[in-house]
Amino acid sequence: MTTGIVGKKLGMTQVFDAQGKVIPVTVIEAGPCTVVQRKKRQSDGYDAVQLGFGAKKAHRVSKPMLGHFQKAEKGAFAALRELRVDSESPLEVGNEIRVDIFREGDYVDVTGQTKGRGFAGVVKRWGFKGGGASHGSMHHRAPGSIGGSSWPSRVFKNVKMGGHYGNERVTVLNLRVVAIQTEKNLLLVRGAVPGAKNGLVFVRHAIKKGNGQ
């Protein structure tokens, strides 16, 4: 069974269930994806398929990559992602994977790149409370002590301080599939997923929760 697909986050909306309750959902354009390369243990050391997603004009692709894409005979692709499969998987170069590998009620894990927010202080980056807000405090959003001068006379590793915030690869686990629109390749999952609008995401069957529960 194919366990994952590449898609694009279109944004968030809400739907209503049979009881009339509001369900916040993220709409993902999931596939169709084309198998561009089939890796096998005998030749590559492991079993996997390389999936191509999103059309791209041929003149905007390098010649080596264009030759790589031509093996699938489906044009050029904007994104490539690799998916591990079993050695008995029937997938071969040129095969297409669509959103119908999922069913309503399935649980999925969604991986994406979070929004980059540049340099941020400890209050925004780590949720620090901050100092007093009164006049003359001079400690409104400062981190406080990061290490004593007599001991340890240094700053320990992994002390939470200001720095680059966001732009990280994040996976959200166990999101329920609320609806599927196969004719439009749309997947509606409950809750939020990482990344900005039109960001690339990878959706796979949940590995820590049985589907259909």
N, C-alpha and C. Protein backbone atom coordinates (compact mmCIF):
# COMPACT_ATOMS: atom_id res chain seq x y z
N MET A 1 0.84 -1.19 0.00
CA MET A 1 0.00 0.00 0.00
C MET A 1 0.88 1.24 0.00
N THR A 2 0.53 2.23 -0.82
CA THR A 2 1.23 3.50 -0.81
C THR A 2 0.83 4.27 0.44
N THR A 3 1.82 4.79 1.15
CA THR A 3 1.53 5.38 2.45
C THR A 3 1.62 6.89 2.47
N GLY A 4 2.01 7.54 1.38
CA GLY A 4 2.18 8.99 1.43
C GLY A 4 2.02 9.65 0.08
N ILE A 5 1.88 10.99 0.12
CA ILE A 5 1.70 11.76 -1.09
C ILE A 5 2.19 13.18 -0.84
N VAL A 6 2.66 13.83 -1.89
CA VAL A 6 3.11 15.22 -1.80
C VAL A 6 1.95 16.14 -2.18
N GLY A 7 1.84 17.27 -1.50
CA GLY A 7 0.75 18.18 -1.78
C GLY A 7 1.11 19.62 -1.51
N LYS A 8 0.11 20.48 -1.63
CA LYS A 8 0.28 21.91 -1.42
C LYS A 8 -0.81 22.42 -0.49
N LYS A 9 -0.42 23.17 0.53
CA LYS A 9 -1.38 23.72 1.47
C LYS A 9 -2.09 24.91 0.83
N LEU A 10 -3.41 24.80 0.69
CA LEU A 10 -4.19 25.87 0.06
C LEU A 10 -4.72 26.88 1.07
N GLY A 11 -4.84 26.49 2.33
CA GLY A 11 -5.35 27.40 3.35
C GLY A 11 -6.29 26.68 4.29
N MET A 12 -6.94 27.45 5.18
CA MET A 12 -7.85 26.88 6.17
C MET A 12 -9.27 27.38 5.94
N THR A 13 -10.23 26.56 6.34
CA THR A 13 -11.64 26.92 6.29
C THR A 13 -12.35 26.12 7.37
N GLN A 14 -13.67 26.05 7.29
CA GLN A 14 -14.42 25.24 8.25
C GLN A 14 -15.56 24.52 7.55
N VAL A 15 -15.89 23.34 8.08
CA VAL A 15 -17.02 22.57 7.58
C VAL A 15 -17.88 22.17 8.77
N PHE A 16 -19.05 21.63 8.48
CA PHE A 16 -19.99 21.23 9.52
C PHE A 16 -20.19 19.72 9.45
N ASP A 17 -20.23 19.07 10.62
CA ASP A 17 -20.48 17.64 10.65
C ASP A 17 -21.98 17.36 10.66
N ALA A 18 -22.34 16.09 10.81
CA ALA A 18 -23.76 15.71 10.76
C ALA A 18 -24.57 16.32 11.89
N GLN A 19 -23.91 16.64 13.02
CA GLN A 19 -24.60 17.22 14.17
C GLN A 19 -24.61 18.75 14.12
N GLY A 20 -24.03 19.32 13.07
CA GLY A 20 -24.01 20.76 12.93
C GLY A 20 -22.86 21.45 13.64
N LYS A 21 -21.89 20.67 14.13
CA LYS A 21 -20.75 21.27 14.82
C LYS A 21 -19.71 21.74 13.80
N VAL A 22 -19.07 22.85 14.13
CA VAL A 22 -18.05 23.42 13.25
C VAL A 22 -16.74 22.65 13.41
N ILE A 23 -16.11 22.30 12.28
CA ILE A 23 -14.82 21.61 12.30
C ILE A 23 -13.82 22.46 11.52
N PRO A 24 -12.78 22.96 12.18
CA PRO A 24 -11.74 23.70 11.44
C PRO A 24 -10.88 22.73 10.64
N VAL A 25 -10.68 23.02 9.36
CA VAL A 25 -9.94 22.10 8.50
C VAL A 25 -8.91 22.87 7.67
N THR A 26 -7.86 22.16 7.31
CA THR A 26 -6.88 22.66 6.34
C THR A 26 -7.11 21.95 5.01
N VAL A 27 -7.15 22.73 3.95
CA VAL A 27 -7.37 22.17 2.61
C VAL A 27 -6.02 21.96 1.94
N ILE A 28 -5.76 20.73 1.52
CA ILE A 28 -4.49 20.36 0.89
C ILE A 28 -4.77 19.81 -0.50
N GLU A 29 -4.07 20.37 -1.48
CA GLU A 29 -4.12 19.80 -2.83
C GLU A 29 -3.12 18.65 -2.87
N ALA A 30 -3.61 17.44 -2.70
CA ALA A 30 -2.77 16.26 -2.55
C ALA A 30 -2.63 15.53 -3.88
N GLY A 31 -1.46 15.70 -4.51
CA GLY A 31 -1.21 15.04 -5.78
C GLY A 31 -1.93 15.73 -6.93
N PRO A 32 -2.02 15.06 -8.09
CA PRO A 32 -1.43 13.73 -8.33
C PRO A 32 0.09 13.78 -8.41
N CYS A 33 0.71 12.70 -7.94
CA CYS A 33 2.17 12.59 -7.96
C CYS A 33 2.57 11.47 -8.92
N THR A 34 3.67 11.69 -9.60
CA THR A 34 4.19 10.70 -10.55
C THR A 34 5.47 10.08 -10.01
N VAL A 35 5.59 8.78 -10.14
CA VAL A 35 6.82 8.09 -9.74
C VAL A 35 7.90 8.39 -10.78
N VAL A 36 8.91 9.15 -10.37
CA VAL A 36 9.99 9.56 -11.27
C VAL A 36 11.13 8.56 -11.25
N GLN A 37 11.35 7.93 -10.08
CA GLN A 37 12.45 6.97 -9.95
C GLN A 37 12.06 5.88 -8.96
N ARG A 38 12.46 4.67 -9.24
CA ARG A 38 12.23 3.54 -8.34
C ARG A 38 13.58 3.05 -7.85
N LYS A 39 13.83 3.18 -6.56
CA LYS A 39 15.09 2.74 -5.97
C LYS A 39 14.88 1.36 -5.34
N LYS A 40 15.87 0.48 -5.56
CA LYS A 40 15.77 -0.88 -5.05
C LYS A 40 17.02 -1.22 -4.24
N ARG A 41 16.81 -2.15 -3.33
CA ARG A 41 17.90 -2.52 -2.42
C ARG A 41 19.11 -3.05 -3.16
N GLN A 42 18.90 -3.76 -4.25
CA GLN A 42 20.00 -4.36 -4.97
C GLN A 42 20.92 -3.30 -5.58
N SER A 43 20.34 -2.19 -6.03
CA SER A 43 21.13 -1.18 -6.72
C SER A 43 21.41 0.07 -5.88
N ASP A 44 20.48 0.41 -4.98
CA ASP A 44 20.61 1.65 -4.22
C ASP A 44 20.80 1.43 -2.71
N GLY A 45 20.63 0.20 -2.25
CA GLY A 45 20.81 -0.08 -0.83
C GLY A 45 19.55 0.01 -0.02
N TYR A 46 18.45 0.48 -0.60
CA TYR A 46 17.17 0.56 0.10
C TYR A 46 16.05 0.68 -0.93
N ASP A 47 14.81 0.45 -0.49
CA ASP A 47 13.67 0.48 -1.38
C ASP A 47 12.89 1.78 -1.17
N ALA A 48 12.69 2.53 -2.25
CA ALA A 48 11.96 3.79 -2.17
C ALA A 48 11.50 4.20 -3.57
N VAL A 49 10.59 5.16 -3.59
CA VAL A 49 10.17 5.77 -4.85
C VAL A 49 10.34 7.28 -4.73
N GLN A 50 10.73 7.90 -5.83
CA GLN A 50 10.86 9.35 -5.87
C GLN A 50 9.63 9.91 -6.57
N LEU A 51 8.91 10.79 -5.86
CA LEU A 51 7.66 11.33 -6.37
C LEU A 51 7.86 12.74 -6.91
N GLY A 52 7.28 13.02 -8.06
CA GLY A 52 7.30 14.36 -8.64
C GLY A 52 5.93 14.99 -8.49
N PHE A 53 5.91 16.27 -8.10
CA PHE A 53 4.64 16.96 -7.87
C PHE A 53 4.71 18.36 -8.46
N GLY A 54 3.64 18.78 -9.10
CA GLY A 54 3.54 20.14 -9.62
C GLY A 54 4.24 20.30 -10.96
N ALA A 55 3.53 20.81 -11.93
CA ALA A 55 4.10 20.99 -13.27
C ALA A 55 5.09 22.15 -13.28
N LYS A 56 6.13 22.01 -14.09
CA LYS A 56 7.12 23.06 -14.25
C LYS A 56 7.54 23.12 -15.71
N LYS A 57 7.75 24.32 -16.23
CA LYS A 57 8.13 24.46 -17.63
C LYS A 57 9.51 23.87 -17.88
N ALA A 58 9.65 23.18 -19.00
CA ALA A 58 10.90 22.45 -19.29
C ALA A 58 12.10 23.39 -19.38
N HIS A 59 11.91 24.61 -19.90
CA HIS A 59 13.05 25.51 -20.07
C HIS A 59 13.56 26.08 -18.74
N ARG A 60 12.81 25.83 -17.65
CA ARG A 60 13.25 26.29 -16.34
C ARG A 60 13.90 25.17 -15.53
N VAL A 61 14.19 24.05 -16.20
CA VAL A 61 14.81 22.90 -15.54
C VAL A 61 16.17 22.65 -16.18
N SER A 62 17.15 22.29 -15.37
CA SER A 62 18.48 21.99 -15.90
C SER A 62 18.41 20.74 -16.79
N LYS A 63 19.36 20.63 -17.70
CA LYS A 63 19.35 19.50 -18.62
C LYS A 63 19.49 18.14 -17.92
N PRO A 64 20.35 18.02 -16.89
CA PRO A 64 20.40 16.73 -16.19
C PRO A 64 19.06 16.36 -15.55
N MET A 65 18.38 17.34 -14.91
CA MET A 65 17.10 17.05 -14.29
C MET A 65 16.04 16.77 -15.34
N LEU A 66 16.11 17.45 -16.48
CA LEU A 66 15.14 17.21 -17.54
C LEU A 66 15.27 15.78 -18.05
N GLY A 67 16.50 15.29 -18.19
CA GLY A 67 16.70 13.91 -18.60
C GLY A 67 16.18 12.94 -17.55
N HIS A 68 16.32 13.32 -16.28
CA HIS A 68 15.80 12.48 -15.19
C HIS A 68 14.28 12.40 -15.26
N PHE A 69 13.62 13.53 -15.53
CA PHE A 69 12.16 13.57 -15.60
C PHE A 69 11.63 12.82 -16.82
N GLN A 70 12.37 12.83 -17.92
CA GLN A 70 11.88 12.24 -19.16
C GLN A 70 11.68 10.74 -19.05
N LYS A 71 12.30 10.10 -18.07
CA LYS A 71 12.11 8.66 -17.90
C LYS A 71 10.66 8.32 -17.56
N ALA A 72 9.99 9.26 -16.87
CA ALA A 72 8.59 9.03 -16.50
C ALA A 72 7.63 9.46 -17.60
N GLU A 73 8.11 10.24 -18.57
CA GLU A 73 7.32 10.69 -19.71
C GLU A 73 6.07 11.45 -19.28
N LYS A 74 6.22 12.27 -18.22
CA LYS A 74 5.09 13.07 -17.74
C LYS A 74 5.45 14.55 -17.63
N GLY A 75 6.53 14.99 -18.27
CA GLY A 75 6.93 16.37 -18.19
C GLY A 75 7.85 16.63 -17.00
N ALA A 76 8.10 17.92 -16.73
CA ALA A 76 8.97 18.32 -15.61
C ALA A 76 8.13 18.61 -14.38
N PHE A 77 8.76 18.52 -13.22
CA PHE A 77 8.06 18.70 -11.95
C PHE A 77 8.72 19.79 -11.12
N ALA A 78 7.89 20.45 -10.31
CA ALA A 78 8.38 21.54 -9.48
C ALA A 78 9.01 21.05 -8.19
N ALA A 79 8.61 19.87 -7.71
CA ALA A 79 9.12 19.36 -6.44
C ALA A 79 9.33 17.86 -6.52
N LEU A 80 10.34 17.39 -5.83
CA LEU A 80 10.63 15.96 -5.72
C LEU A 80 10.71 15.57 -4.24
N ARG A 81 10.08 14.47 -3.90
CA ARG A 81 10.16 13.94 -2.54
C ARG A 81 10.30 12.42 -2.62
N GLU A 82 11.00 11.86 -1.64
CA GLU A 82 11.24 10.42 -1.64
C GLU A 82 10.37 9.75 -0.58
N LEU A 83 9.87 8.57 -0.92
CA LEU A 83 8.99 7.81 -0.04
C LEU A 83 9.49 6.38 0.04
N ARG A 84 9.74 5.92 1.26
CA ARG A 84 10.16 4.52 1.45
C ARG A 84 8.99 3.59 1.17
N VAL A 85 9.28 2.47 0.51
CA VAL A 85 8.27 1.46 0.22
C VAL A 85 8.85 0.08 0.50
N ASP A 86 7.97 -0.92 0.51
CA ASP A 86 8.42 -2.30 0.67
C ASP A 86 9.04 -2.79 -0.62
N SER A 87 9.87 -3.81 -0.49
CA SER A 87 10.52 -4.38 -1.67
C SER A 87 9.51 -4.99 -2.63
N GLU A 88 8.32 -5.40 -2.11
CA GLU A 88 7.30 -6.00 -2.96
C GLU A 88 6.37 -4.97 -3.59
N SER A 89 6.63 -3.67 -3.38
CA SER A 89 5.74 -2.63 -3.90
C SER A 89 5.68 -2.70 -5.42
N PRO A 90 4.47 -2.63 -6.00
CA PRO A 90 4.33 -2.71 -7.46
C PRO A 90 4.61 -1.39 -8.17
N LEU A 91 4.88 -0.33 -7.44
CA LEU A 91 5.09 0.98 -8.06
C LEU A 91 6.33 0.97 -8.94
N GLU A 92 6.17 1.52 -10.13
CA GLU A 92 7.28 1.65 -11.08
C GLU A 92 7.27 3.05 -11.67
N VAL A 93 8.34 3.38 -12.39
CA VAL A 93 8.46 4.71 -13.00
C VAL A 93 7.29 4.97 -13.94
N GLY A 94 6.67 6.13 -13.78
CA GLY A 94 5.53 6.50 -14.61
C GLY A 94 4.19 6.29 -13.94
N ASN A 95 4.13 5.48 -12.88
CA ASN A 95 2.87 5.28 -12.15
C ASN A 95 2.44 6.58 -11.46
N GLU A 96 1.14 6.72 -11.27
CA GLU A 96 0.58 7.93 -10.66
C GLU A 96 -0.07 7.60 -9.33
N ILE A 97 0.15 8.47 -8.34
CA ILE A 97 -0.45 8.32 -7.02
C ILE A 97 -1.41 9.48 -6.81
N ARG A 98 -2.64 9.14 -6.42
CA ARG A 98 -3.68 10.16 -6.24
C ARG A 98 -4.18 10.18 -4.80
N VAL A 99 -5.04 11.16 -4.53
CA VAL A 99 -5.52 11.38 -3.16
C VAL A 99 -6.40 10.23 -2.68
N ASP A 100 -6.87 9.37 -3.59
CA ASP A 100 -7.76 8.28 -3.17
C ASP A 100 -7.04 7.18 -2.39
N ILE A 101 -5.74 7.35 -2.10
CA ILE A 101 -5.08 6.39 -1.21
C ILE A 101 -5.54 6.60 0.23
N PHE A 102 -6.23 7.73 0.49
CA PHE A 102 -6.78 8.00 1.82
C PHE A 102 -8.29 7.82 1.81
N ARG A 103 -8.86 7.64 3.00
CA ARG A 103 -10.29 7.51 3.18
C ARG A 103 -10.74 8.45 4.30
N GLU A 104 -12.00 8.86 4.25
CA GLU A 104 -12.53 9.68 5.33
C GLU A 104 -12.45 8.91 6.65
N GLY A 105 -11.97 9.56 7.69
CA GLY A 105 -11.79 8.91 8.98
C GLY A 105 -10.38 8.43 9.23
N ASP A 106 -9.55 8.36 8.17
CA ASP A 106 -8.14 8.00 8.35
C ASP A 106 -7.43 9.07 9.16
N TYR A 107 -6.33 8.66 9.79
CA TYR A 107 -5.46 9.61 10.49
C TYR A 107 -4.15 9.74 9.71
N VAL A 108 -3.68 10.97 9.58
CA VAL A 108 -2.49 11.23 8.78
C VAL A 108 -1.50 12.08 9.58
N ASP A 109 -0.23 11.99 9.19
CA ASP A 109 0.83 12.87 9.67
C ASP A 109 1.20 13.82 8.53
N VAL A 110 1.30 15.11 8.83
CA VAL A 110 1.58 16.10 7.80
C VAL A 110 2.89 16.81 8.14
N THR A 111 3.82 16.82 7.19
CA THR A 111 5.12 17.46 7.36
C THR A 111 5.22 18.67 6.45
N GLY A 112 5.70 19.78 7.01
CA GLY A 112 5.86 21.00 6.22
C GLY A 112 6.95 21.88 6.80
N GLN A 113 7.25 22.96 6.11
CA GLN A 113 8.26 23.93 6.54
C GLN A 113 7.53 25.12 7.15
N THR A 114 7.80 25.39 8.43
CA THR A 114 7.09 26.47 9.11
C THR A 114 7.48 27.83 8.56
N LYS A 115 6.65 28.82 8.83
CA LYS A 115 6.93 30.19 8.40
C LYS A 115 8.20 30.70 9.07
N GLY A 116 9.07 31.34 8.30
CA GLY A 116 10.26 31.96 8.85
C GLY A 116 9.91 33.31 9.45
N ARG A 117 10.34 33.56 10.70
CA ARG A 117 9.98 34.80 11.39
C ARG A 117 11.20 35.63 11.78
N GLY A 118 12.36 35.26 11.22
CA GLY A 118 13.55 36.06 11.47
C GLY A 118 14.03 35.97 12.90
N PHE A 119 14.74 37.02 13.36
CA PHE A 119 15.23 37.06 14.73
C PHE A 119 14.08 37.39 15.67
N ALA A 120 13.97 36.65 16.75
CA ALA A 120 12.92 36.89 17.74
C ALA A 120 13.50 36.77 19.14
N GLY A 121 12.96 37.54 20.06
CA GLY A 121 13.40 37.49 21.45
C GLY A 121 12.79 36.31 22.19
N VAL A 122 13.13 36.18 23.47
CA VAL A 122 12.71 35.00 24.23
C VAL A 122 11.21 34.99 24.50
N VAL A 123 10.58 36.16 24.57
CA VAL A 123 9.14 36.19 24.85
C VAL A 123 8.37 35.59 23.67
N LYS A 124 8.72 35.98 22.46
CA LYS A 124 8.03 35.45 21.28
C LYS A 124 8.51 34.05 20.93
N ARG A 125 9.82 33.82 21.04
CA ARG A 125 10.39 32.55 20.59
C ARG A 125 10.10 31.40 21.55
N TRP A 126 10.16 31.67 22.86
CA TRP A 126 10.04 30.60 23.84
C TRP A 126 8.87 30.79 24.80
N GLY A 127 8.15 31.91 24.69
CA GLY A 127 7.01 32.11 25.58
C GLY A 127 7.38 32.57 26.97
N PHE A 128 8.54 33.21 27.15
CA PHE A 128 8.92 33.73 28.46
C PHE A 128 7.89 34.77 28.92
N LYS A 129 7.73 34.87 30.23
CA LYS A 129 6.77 35.81 30.80
C LYS A 129 7.24 37.25 30.66
N GLY A 130 8.53 37.49 30.78
CA GLY A 130 9.05 38.86 30.75
C GLY A 130 9.07 39.47 32.14
N GLY A 131 9.64 40.65 32.26
CA GLY A 131 9.75 41.32 33.55
C GLY A 131 8.56 42.20 33.85
N GLY A 132 8.70 43.00 34.89
CA GLY A 132 7.64 43.90 35.29
C GLY A 132 7.36 44.95 34.23
N ALA A 133 6.09 45.38 34.17
CA ALA A 133 5.68 46.35 33.16
C ALA A 133 5.66 47.78 33.69
N SER A 134 6.05 47.97 34.95
CA SER A 134 5.97 49.30 35.56
C SER A 134 7.07 50.21 35.02
N HIS A 135 6.89 51.51 35.27
CA HIS A 135 7.84 52.52 34.81
C HIS A 135 9.21 52.28 35.45
N GLY A 136 10.26 52.30 34.64
CA GLY A 136 11.61 52.13 35.15
C GLY A 136 12.05 50.69 35.32
N SER A 137 11.28 49.74 34.81
CA SER A 137 11.61 48.33 35.01
C SER A 137 12.92 47.95 34.32
N MET A 138 13.08 48.37 33.05
CA MET A 138 14.26 48.03 32.24
C MET A 138 14.43 46.52 32.03
N HIS A 139 13.34 45.78 32.25
CA HIS A 139 13.42 44.32 32.12
C HIS A 139 12.11 43.79 31.53
N HIS A 140 11.54 44.54 30.60
CA HIS A 140 10.22 44.17 30.09
C HIS A 140 10.22 42.83 29.35
N ARG A 141 11.17 42.63 28.44
CA ARG A 141 11.19 41.43 27.61
C ARG A 141 12.56 40.76 27.60
N ALA A 142 13.33 41.00 28.63
CA ALA A 142 14.68 40.42 28.72
C ALA A 142 14.61 38.99 29.25
N PRO A 143 15.62 38.16 28.97
CA PRO A 143 15.57 36.76 29.38
C PRO A 143 15.92 36.52 30.85
N GLY A 144 16.58 37.46 31.49
CA GLY A 144 17.03 37.21 32.87
C GLY A 144 18.42 36.60 32.88
N SER A 145 18.80 36.02 34.00
CA SER A 145 20.14 35.46 34.14
C SER A 145 20.32 34.23 33.26
N ILE A 146 21.47 34.15 32.61
CA ILE A 146 21.77 32.97 31.79
C ILE A 146 22.95 32.18 32.36
N GLY A 147 23.48 32.61 33.49
CA GLY A 147 24.59 31.89 34.13
C GLY A 147 25.32 32.79 35.12
N GLY A 148 25.64 32.26 36.32
CA GLY A 148 26.33 33.05 37.34
C GLY A 148 27.79 33.31 36.98
N SER A 149 28.35 34.37 37.54
CA SER A 149 29.74 34.72 37.25
C SER A 149 30.72 33.87 38.06
N SER A 150 30.37 33.53 39.33
CA SER A 150 31.28 32.71 40.14
C SER A 150 31.15 31.23 39.79
N TRP A 151 29.90 30.81 39.57
CA TRP A 151 29.66 29.43 39.09
C TRP A 151 28.37 29.43 38.30
N PRO A 152 28.32 28.86 37.14
CA PRO A 152 29.35 28.02 36.50
C PRO A 152 30.37 28.81 35.70
N SER A 153 30.31 30.14 35.73
CA SER A 153 31.25 30.99 34.99
C SER A 153 31.19 30.75 33.48
N ARG A 154 30.08 30.28 33.05
CA ARG A 154 29.87 30.07 31.62
C ARG A 154 28.38 29.90 31.38
N VAL A 155 28.00 29.86 30.12
CA VAL A 155 26.60 29.64 29.76
C VAL A 155 26.44 28.19 29.32
N PHE A 156 25.54 27.47 29.97
CA PHE A 156 25.31 26.08 29.61
C PHE A 156 24.76 25.97 28.19
N LYS A 157 25.00 24.83 27.57
CA LYS A 157 24.43 24.57 26.25
C LYS A 157 22.91 24.49 26.34
N ASN A 158 22.27 24.87 25.24
CA ASN A 158 20.81 24.78 25.09
C ASN A 158 20.04 25.74 25.99
N VAL A 159 20.70 26.77 26.53
CA VAL A 159 19.97 27.79 27.26
C VAL A 159 19.09 28.57 26.27
N LYS A 160 17.83 28.76 26.61
CA LYS A 160 16.90 29.40 25.69
C LYS A 160 17.15 30.90 25.64
N MET A 161 17.50 31.37 24.45
CA MET A 161 17.77 32.79 24.25
C MET A 161 17.15 33.24 22.93
N GLY A 162 17.27 34.52 22.64
CA GLY A 162 16.76 35.02 21.38
C GLY A 162 17.55 34.46 20.21
N GLY A 163 16.93 34.42 19.04
CA GLY A 163 17.61 33.88 17.87
C GLY A 163 16.66 33.67 16.72
N HIS A 164 17.13 32.91 15.74
CA HIS A 164 16.32 32.66 14.55
C HIS A 164 15.11 31.81 14.89
N TYR A 165 13.94 32.27 14.47
CA TYR A 165 12.68 31.63 14.85
C TYR A 165 11.92 31.22 13.60
N GLY A 166 11.49 29.97 13.55
CA GLY A 166 10.71 29.48 12.41
C GLY A 166 11.60 28.89 11.33
N ASN A 167 10.98 28.67 10.14
CA ASN A 167 11.66 28.07 9.00
C ASN A 167 12.28 26.72 9.36
N GLU A 168 11.48 25.88 10.02
CA GLU A 168 11.93 24.55 10.43
C GLU A 168 11.00 23.49 9.85
N ARG A 169 11.55 22.31 9.67
CA ARG A 169 10.76 21.17 9.21
C ARG A 169 10.00 20.59 10.41
N VAL A 170 8.68 20.62 10.35
CA VAL A 170 7.84 20.21 11.47
C VAL A 170 6.80 19.20 10.98
N THR A 171 6.54 18.19 11.80
CA THR A 171 5.51 17.20 11.50
C THR A 171 4.42 17.24 12.56
N VAL A 172 3.18 17.37 12.13
CA VAL A 172 2.03 17.32 13.03
C VAL A 172 1.40 15.94 12.90
N LEU A 173 1.21 15.26 14.03
CA LEU A 173 0.76 13.87 14.03
C LEU A 173 -0.74 13.75 14.24
N ASN A 174 -1.29 12.67 13.71
CA ASN A 174 -2.65 12.21 13.99
C ASN A 174 -3.73 13.24 13.69
N LEU A 175 -3.72 13.77 12.48
CA LEU A 175 -4.79 14.64 12.03
C LEU A 175 -5.82 13.80 11.29
N ARG A 176 -7.08 13.98 11.62
CA ARG A 176 -8.13 13.15 11.02
C ARG A 176 -8.55 13.71 9.66
N VAL A 177 -8.71 12.81 8.70
CA VAL A 177 -9.21 13.21 7.38
C VAL A 177 -10.72 13.40 7.48
N VAL A 178 -11.17 14.64 7.26
CA VAL A 178 -12.58 14.98 7.39
C VAL A 178 -13.33 14.72 6.09
N ALA A 179 -12.71 15.07 4.96
CA ALA A 179 -13.37 14.87 3.66
C ALA A 179 -12.32 14.76 2.56
N ILE A 180 -12.72 14.14 1.47
CA ILE A 180 -11.86 13.98 0.30
C ILE A 180 -12.67 14.33 -0.94
N GLN A 181 -12.09 15.16 -1.81
CA GLN A 181 -12.71 15.48 -3.09
C GLN A 181 -11.77 14.98 -4.19
N THR A 182 -12.01 13.75 -4.63
CA THR A 182 -11.10 13.09 -5.56
C THR A 182 -11.04 13.80 -6.91
N GLU A 183 -12.18 14.38 -7.36
CA GLU A 183 -12.17 15.02 -8.68
C GLU A 183 -11.30 16.28 -8.69
N LYS A 184 -11.08 16.89 -7.52
CA LYS A 184 -10.26 18.09 -7.43
C LYS A 184 -8.92 17.83 -6.72
N ASN A 185 -8.67 16.58 -6.35
CA ASN A 185 -7.45 16.19 -5.64
C ASN A 185 -7.29 16.94 -4.32
N LEU A 186 -8.41 17.13 -3.61
CA LEU A 186 -8.38 17.89 -2.37
C LEU A 186 -8.54 16.97 -1.17
N LEU A 187 -7.77 17.28 -0.14
CA LEU A 187 -7.80 16.54 1.12
C LEU A 187 -8.06 17.53 2.23
N LEU A 188 -9.12 17.31 3.02
CA LEU A 188 -9.46 18.19 4.12
C LEU A 188 -9.14 17.47 5.43
N VAL A 189 -8.19 18.02 6.19
CA VAL A 189 -7.78 17.42 7.45
C VAL A 189 -8.13 18.35 8.59
N ARG A 190 -8.51 17.78 9.72
CA ARG A 190 -8.90 18.58 10.88
C ARG A 190 -7.68 19.25 11.50
N GLY A 191 -7.78 20.55 11.76
CA GLY A 191 -6.71 21.28 12.43
C GLY A 191 -5.76 21.94 11.46
N ALA A 192 -4.69 22.49 12.03
CA ALA A 192 -3.71 23.25 11.26
C ALA A 192 -2.51 22.39 10.91
N VAL A 193 -1.85 22.74 9.81
CA VAL A 193 -0.62 22.06 9.39
C VAL A 193 0.47 23.11 9.23
N PRO A 194 1.74 22.71 9.31
CA PRO A 194 2.84 23.68 9.23
C PRO A 194 2.93 24.35 7.87
N GLY A 195 3.43 25.58 7.87
CA GLY A 195 3.74 26.24 6.62
C GLY A 195 2.77 27.34 6.24
N ALA A 196 3.18 28.11 5.25
CA ALA A 196 2.37 29.21 4.73
C ALA A 196 1.46 28.71 3.63
N LYS A 197 0.56 29.56 3.20
CA LYS A 197 -0.32 29.24 2.08
C LYS A 197 0.50 28.94 0.84
N ASN A 198 0.12 27.89 0.12
CA ASN A 198 0.81 27.40 -1.08
C ASN A 198 2.15 26.73 -0.76
N GLY A 199 2.40 26.46 0.52
CA GLY A 199 3.62 25.77 0.90
C GLY A 199 3.53 24.28 0.61
N LEU A 200 4.68 23.67 0.37
CA LEU A 200 4.73 22.24 0.07
C LEU A 200 4.60 21.43 1.35
N VAL A 201 3.79 20.38 1.31
CA VAL A 201 3.62 19.49 2.46
C VAL A 201 3.70 18.04 2.01
N PHE A 202 4.01 17.18 2.96
CA PHE A 202 4.02 15.74 2.70
C PHE A 202 3.04 15.08 3.65
N VAL A 203 2.10 14.32 3.09
CA VAL A 203 1.04 13.68 3.88
C VAL A 203 1.23 12.17 3.82
N ARG A 204 1.21 11.53 4.97
CA ARG A 204 1.35 10.07 5.03
C ARG A 204 0.36 9.52 6.05
N HIS A 205 0.07 8.24 5.93
CA HIS A 205 -0.77 7.58 6.93
C HIS A 205 -0.07 7.63 8.29
N ALA A 206 -0.84 7.91 9.34
CA ALA A 206 -0.27 8.05 10.67
C ALA A 206 0.43 6.77 11.09
N ILE A 207 1.62 6.94 11.66
CA ILE A 207 2.40 5.77 12.07
C ILE A 207 2.23 5.43 13.55
N LYS A 208 1.58 6.33 14.31
CA LYS A 208 1.40 6.08 15.74
C LYS A 208 -0.06 5.86 16.12
N LYS A 209 -0.92 5.82 15.12
CA LYS A 209 -2.34 5.64 15.43
C LYS A 209 -2.98 4.83 14.32
N GLY A 210 -3.75 3.83 14.68
CA GLY A 210 -4.42 3.01 13.68
C GLY A 210 -5.48 3.78 12.94
N ASN A 211 -5.57 3.66 11.64
CA ASN A 211 -6.57 4.37 10.86
C ASN A 211 -7.94 3.75 11.05
N GLY A 212 -8.95 4.62 10.94
CA GLY A 212 -10.32 4.17 11.08
C GLY A 212 -10.79 4.14 12.52
N GLN A 213 -9.96 4.57 13.50
CA GLN A 213 -10.37 4.55 14.89
C GLN A 213 -11.05 5.86 15.26
